[in-house]
Amino acid sequence: MDGLDIDAALFFSQPTSYFVLDNRIPEKVRELIYEAENSRKSNYLVGASACLRKAIYEMLEHEKSIVKNPKTGYADYQASIKSLKEKFTNVASELFDALGHTQEMASDNVHEGSWEAWDSPKLRFIIELTKATLHEMYVVPEERKERLGLLGQMKSAFSNSKNQTENIEEKEDVK
């Protein structure tokens, strides 16, 4: 067994989901989403739903979109999601509408055990929906900026080469 490196022979990986979380999504939110996914994989539905709700709260806090209920002083989830929806007008409003129902689906039903149809695949769907929303909020706009920047550079390079060609042609016409 000398010379056998068992650690090199082992490969550890975490299966990827459809939406891999990009580094442009705030770190606190990413970590909580990963924790929600891992809890769900272990069928810890209460823990997974708590992490998911906390991730959404952290996102709202990061975006300074938390709206407090004037009577209770606590965050008003629906009003906060509406505020976020108004801030991110380029994101499909249906994603925020669905996100607005996450609290209902991932809170009372799981913690009170009142919804017998609740299971891991349904929670996975809600997690993926949240990840899709995060992707649309943080990744797509940055990718759009990058593409527009590249297009601007290409246009500038094209304009410069066209101007140089015209200058050369003008000089040849003068001769």
Foldseek 3Di string as FASTA:
>chain_A
DPPDDVVVVDDDDDDDDPQDADPQQDPLLNVLLVQLVVCLVVFVLLSNLVSNVVSVVVSLVVVVQFDADPVPRHTDLLSSLVSVCVVCVVQPVVLSVLVSCSCVVSPCCVVVVPDVPDGSVVSVVSSVSVSVRSCSRGPVVVVVVVVVVVVVVVVVVVVVVVVVVVVVVVVVVVD
